[in-house]
């Protein structure tokens, strides 16, 4: 069996630039560069297939950063060793040890003074709304996250609007009208005249 190989030749009119200097890079550097590139590619692919669950929320990082006086984004993770020592692992490398009881006391102090971010507020309100909707046998439409408001439905029928603003949680039976304000999502849904579902 014959095999043909195609090779391209340089045109006869091509002139090599004789003033160009070619520097030979050692093979080890090329190999190390290729290995680093391959490792990075494998890590990226592994993260895409099975993303690593981060045990710390952004609020956790803010609290820890406040306690140890570092930027929140510089905290990789924390763990407790032997039930006595809290270790804080930093992104740039290095670990910091703290007494567990002292650390727990500081976490409680910082949590009490740290303001809630808009994302944290929306997550809290969303959880509260889901719980209330389950209790009343309702479901809601798409949430407007800027104003945290949505429409409520029961058995495919529109029930009313609910949301939260600076006054607290509110409900109204029509798009336009007066908001009825209450302390929680469950209370404002009750203001719409919806009765909680009773298990038979």
Protein backbone atom coordinates (compact mmCIF):
# COMPACT_ATOMS: atom_id res chain seq x y z
CA UNK A 1 0.00 0.00 0.00
CA UNK A 2 1.40 3.38 -0.90
CA UNK A 3 1.14 6.42 1.31
CA UNK A 4 1.44 9.96 0.08
CA UNK A 5 2.62 12.79 2.29
CA UNK A 6 1.94 16.41 1.42
CA UNK A 7 4.66 18.91 2.25
CA UNK A 8 4.60 22.58 1.47
CA UNK A 9 7.77 24.17 0.22
CA UNK A 10 8.84 27.74 0.63
CA UNK A 11 8.43 29.84 -2.49
CA UNK A 12 11.68 30.51 -4.31
CA UNK A 13 11.09 34.25 -4.08
CA UNK A 14 10.97 34.12 -0.24
CA UNK A 15 13.96 35.74 1.43
CA UNK A 16 14.87 34.82 4.94
CA UNK A 17 15.43 37.79 7.24
CA UNK A 18 18.99 37.27 8.27
CA UNK A 19 18.86 39.91 11.01
CA UNK A 20 16.33 37.90 13.07
CA UNK A 21 17.82 36.15 16.06
CA UNK A 22 16.27 32.91 17.16
CA UNK A 23 16.52 32.07 20.86
CA UNK A 24 16.25 28.44 21.77
CA UNK A 25 14.06 27.82 24.80
CA UNK A 26 15.07 24.84 26.87
CA UNK A 27 12.77 21.84 26.51
CA UNK A 28 12.04 21.77 30.26
CA UNK A 29 10.47 25.25 30.17
CA UNK A 30 8.23 24.29 27.25
CA UNK A 31 7.27 21.08 29.00
CA UNK A 32 6.52 22.89 32.28
CA UNK A 33 4.41 25.46 30.43
CA UNK A 34 2.50 22.74 28.58
CA UNK A 35 1.97 20.79 31.82
CA UNK A 36 0.66 23.91 33.62
CA UNK A 37 -1.69 24.58 30.72
CA UNK A 38 -2.93 20.98 30.77
CA UNK A 39 -3.43 21.06 34.56
CA UNK A 40 -5.41 24.30 34.27
CA UNK A 41 -7.55 22.81 31.50
CA UNK A 42 -8.27 19.65 33.51
CA UNK A 43 -9.16 21.72 36.59
CA UNK A 44 -11.51 23.91 34.52
CA UNK A 45 -13.20 20.85 33.01
CA UNK A 46 -13.56 19.17 36.42
CA UNK A 47 -15.14 22.33 37.85
CA UNK A 48 -17.59 22.46 34.92
CA UNK A 49 -18.61 18.82 35.39
CA UNK A 50 -18.79 18.80 39.20
CA UNK A 51 -18.66 22.33 40.65
CA UNK A 52 -17.13 22.55 44.09
CA UNK A 53 -19.66 23.49 46.75
CA UNK A 54 -18.40 26.47 48.68
CA UNK A 55 -19.32 26.01 52.35
CA UNK A 56 -19.02 29.76 53.03
CA UNK A 57 -21.56 32.32 51.88
CA UNK A 58 -20.58 35.89 51.06
CA UNK A 59 -22.08 36.90 54.41
CA UNK A 60 -19.90 34.32 56.20
CA UNK A 61 -16.83 35.76 54.49
CA UNK A 62 -17.86 39.31 55.47
CA UNK A 63 -18.25 38.23 59.11
CA UNK A 64 -14.92 36.40 59.20
CA UNK A 65 -13.20 39.27 57.37
CA UNK A 66 -14.55 41.72 59.95
CA UNK A 67 -13.30 39.55 62.82
CA UNK A 68 -9.77 38.96 61.54
CA UNK A 69 -9.53 42.31 59.72
CA UNK A 70 -8.89 41.10 56.17
CA UNK A 71 -10.86 41.60 52.94
CA UNK A 72 -13.70 39.02 52.67
CA UNK A 73 -12.53 37.82 49.25
CA UNK A 74 -9.18 36.74 50.75
CA UNK A 75 -10.83 34.01 52.86
CA UNK A 76 -10.85 30.55 51.29
CA UNK A 77 -12.41 28.42 54.05
CA UNK A 78 -12.50 27.69 57.77
CA UNK A 79 -12.57 24.52 59.85
CA UNK A 80 -12.48 23.47 63.49
CA UNK A 81 -9.67 21.21 64.64
CA UNK A 82 -10.06 19.09 67.75
CA UNK A 83 -13.11 21.06 68.86
CA UNK A 84 -10.78 23.74 70.18
CA UNK A 85 -9.13 25.67 67.36
CA UNK A 86 -10.79 27.49 64.45
CA UNK A 87 -8.47 27.66 61.45
CA UNK A 88 -8.99 30.28 58.75
CA UNK A 89 -7.42 29.41 55.38
CA UNK A 90 -6.55 32.42 53.20
CA UNK A 91 -6.66 32.46 49.40
CA UNK A 92 -3.08 33.65 49.00
CA UNK A 93 -1.85 30.89 51.29
CA UNK A 94 -1.41 30.78 55.02
CA UNK A 95 -3.61 29.76 57.91
CA UNK A 96 -4.60 31.63 61.03
CA UNK A 97 -5.58 29.82 64.29
CA UNK A 98 -8.18 31.17 66.76
CA UNK A 99 -9.69 29.90 69.98
CA UNK A 100 -13.12 28.44 69.21
CA UNK A 101 -14.98 30.13 72.07
CA UNK A 102 -13.44 33.54 71.36
CA UNK A 103 -14.25 33.16 67.65
CA UNK A 104 -17.87 32.13 68.32
CA UNK A 105 -18.35 35.15 70.60
CA UNK A 106 -16.95 37.49 67.96
CA UNK A 107 -19.16 35.93 65.24
CA UNK A 108 -22.28 36.61 67.34
CA UNK A 109 -21.16 40.22 67.98
CA UNK A 110 -20.40 40.93 64.31
CA UNK A 111 -23.61 39.25 63.06
CA UNK A 112 -25.66 41.55 65.26
CA UNK A 113 -24.05 44.69 63.80
CA UNK A 114 -23.49 43.66 60.17
CA UNK A 115 -26.18 45.08 57.87
CA UNK A 116 -27.99 42.74 55.51
CA UNK A 117 -27.05 43.06 51.84
CA UNK A 118 -29.82 43.36 49.20
CA UNK A 119 -29.02 39.83 47.99
CA UNK A 120 -29.25 38.42 51.53
CA UNK A 121 -32.51 40.30 52.07
CA UNK A 122 -33.99 38.90 48.85
CA UNK A 123 -32.90 35.36 49.74
CA UNK A 124 -34.47 35.66 53.21
CA UNK A 125 -37.70 37.12 51.81
CA UNK A 126 -37.85 34.49 49.08
CA UNK A 127 -37.56 31.69 51.65
CA UNK A 128 -40.27 33.33 53.77
CA UNK A 129 -42.54 33.71 50.71
CA UNK A 130 -42.06 30.05 49.70
CA UNK A 131 -42.96 28.89 53.22
CA UNK A 132 -46.06 31.10 53.31
CA UNK A 133 -47.20 30.01 49.83
CA UNK A 134 -46.89 26.36 50.85
CA UNK A 135 -48.96 26.98 53.99
CA UNK A 136 -51.75 28.62 51.94
CA UNK A 137 -51.60 26.34 48.90
CA UNK A 138 -50.49 29.17 46.61
CA UNK A 139 -47.82 29.64 44.00
CA UNK A 140 -46.29 32.85 42.72
CA UNK A 141 -45.18 34.26 39.41
CA UNK A 142 -41.76 35.63 38.59
CA UNK A 143 -40.36 37.78 41.38
CA UNK A 144 -39.29 41.35 40.64
CA UNK A 145 -36.04 41.25 42.64
CA UNK A 146 -35.49 45.03 42.65
CA UNK A 147 -38.73 45.77 44.48
CA UNK A 148 -39.29 42.22 45.74
CA UNK A 149 -42.86 41.89 44.53
CA UNK A 150 -44.82 39.19 42.73
CA UNK A 151 -48.31 37.94 41.88
CA UNK A 152 -49.96 35.12 43.81
CA UNK A 153 -52.15 32.40 42.27
CA UNK A 154 -54.34 29.64 43.68
CA UNK A 155 -55.61 26.88 41.39
CA UNK A 156 -54.75 29.01 38.36
CA UNK A 157 -56.68 32.05 39.61
CA UNK A 158 -55.06 35.38 40.45
CA UNK A 159 -55.25 36.12 44.21
CA UNK A 160 -53.29 39.35 44.57
CA UNK A 161 -49.91 41.06 44.77
CA UNK A 162 -47.39 40.68 47.61
CA UNK A 163 -44.06 42.32 48.19
CA UNK A 164 -41.79 43.98 50.68
CA UNK A 165 -40.57 47.57 50.97
CA UNK A 166 -39.30 49.89 53.72
CA UNK A 167 -42.66 49.70 55.52
CA UNK A 168 -42.55 45.89 55.66
CA UNK A 169 -44.43 43.17 53.81
CA UNK A 170 -47.52 44.28 51.92
CA UNK A 171 -50.39 42.83 49.92
CA UNK A 172 -53.11 44.21 47.68
CA UNK A 173 -55.86 42.40 45.78
CA UNK A 174 -55.51 44.50 42.61
CA UNK A 175 -52.62 46.07 40.72
CA UNK A 176 -53.64 49.55 41.82
CA UNK A 177 -54.88 50.28 45.28
CA UNK A 178 -53.81 50.60 48.86
CA UNK A 179 -51.15 48.31 50.26
CA UNK A 180 -52.09 46.35 53.36
CA UNK A 181 -48.97 46.10 55.51
CA UNK A 182 -48.11 43.32 57.97
CA UNK A 183 -45.05 41.88 59.66
CA UNK A 184 -44.53 38.78 57.54
CA UNK A 185 -45.44 37.20 54.21
CA UNK A 186 -47.82 34.80 55.98
CA UNK A 187 -49.68 37.69 57.62
CA UNK A 188 -50.08 39.69 54.39
CA UNK A 189 -51.36 36.66 52.50
CA UNK A 190 -54.00 36.24 55.21
CA UNK A 191 -54.97 39.91 54.60
CA UNK A 192 -55.89 38.91 51.03
CA UNK A 193 -58.61 36.65 52.46
CA UNK A 194 -56.82 33.39 51.67
CA UNK A 195 -57.22 30.61 54.21
CA UNK A 196 -54.41 28.26 55.12
CA UNK A 197 -54.73 24.76 53.70
CA UNK A 198 -55.71 22.12 56.24
CA UNK A 199 -54.32 18.62 56.00
CA UNK A 200 -57.09 16.03 55.85
